[in-house]
């Protein structure tokens, strides 16, 4: 089963602000799913972002 992260967890892992992660989600740079009005980002999407940026 895939692990899902909150925007806050992603921000802490990548050492960026929470607002940066929300901006990425809104711009489509990072794909996530809203669950009851809360964003969740799958680990595979985090890996995709890191591979694209790296």
Protein backbone atom coordinates (compact mmCIF):
# COMPACT_ATOMS: atom_id res chain seq x y z
CA UNK A 1 0.00 0.00 0.00
CA UNK A 2 1.31 3.42 -0.94
CA UNK A 3 2.11 5.98 1.72
CA UNK A 4 0.48 9.42 1.57
CA UNK A 5 1.95 12.65 2.93
CA UNK A 6 0.41 15.89 4.07
CA UNK A 7 1.65 19.16 2.56
CA UNK A 8 3.27 19.93 5.90
CA UNK A 9 5.25 16.67 5.82
CA UNK A 10 6.38 17.36 2.24
CA UNK A 11 7.47 20.87 3.23
CA UNK A 12 9.51 19.52 6.14
CA UNK A 13 11.13 16.78 4.01
CA UNK A 14 12.08 19.21 1.22
CA UNK A 15 12.92 22.11 3.55
CA UNK A 16 10.53 24.51 1.85
CA UNK A 17 7.60 26.46 3.22
CA UNK A 18 4.16 24.95 3.49
CA UNK A 19 2.90 27.69 1.17
CA UNK A 20 5.40 26.56 -1.51
CA UNK A 21 3.92 23.05 -1.41
CA UNK A 22 0.38 24.46 -1.71
CA UNK A 23 1.52 26.58 -4.66
CA UNK A 24 2.97 23.48 -6.36
CA UNK A 25 -0.33 21.67 -5.82
CA UNK A 26 -2.37 24.54 -7.26
CA UNK A 27 -0.03 24.92 -10.25
CA UNK A 28 -0.03 21.18 -10.97
CA UNK A 29 3.71 20.80 -10.40
CA UNK A 30 2.90 18.37 -7.58
CA UNK A 31 -0.17 16.16 -7.87
CA UNK A 32 -2.23 15.31 -4.87
CA UNK A 33 -5.73 14.35 -3.85
CA UNK A 34 -8.11 16.26 -1.67
CA UNK A 35 -9.72 14.12 1.02
CA UNK A 36 -12.41 15.95 2.94
CA UNK A 37 -10.80 19.28 2.05
CA UNK A 38 -7.30 18.11 3.08
CA UNK A 39 -4.51 17.52 0.58
CA UNK A 40 -2.74 14.15 0.49
CA UNK A 41 0.28 13.52 -1.75
CA UNK A 42 1.24 9.94 -2.67
CA UNK A 43 4.83 8.86 -2.17
CA UNK A 44 5.11 8.03 -5.89
CA UNK A 45 4.30 11.66 -6.72
CA UNK A 46 6.97 12.90 -4.30
CA UNK A 47 9.48 10.57 -5.99
CA UNK A 48 8.40 11.84 -9.43
CA UNK A 49 8.94 15.44 -8.33
CA UNK A 50 12.37 14.66 -6.88
CA UNK A 51 13.49 12.77 -9.99
CA UNK A 52 12.29 15.55 -12.28
CA UNK A 53 14.01 18.24 -10.22
CA UNK A 54 17.16 16.26 -9.55
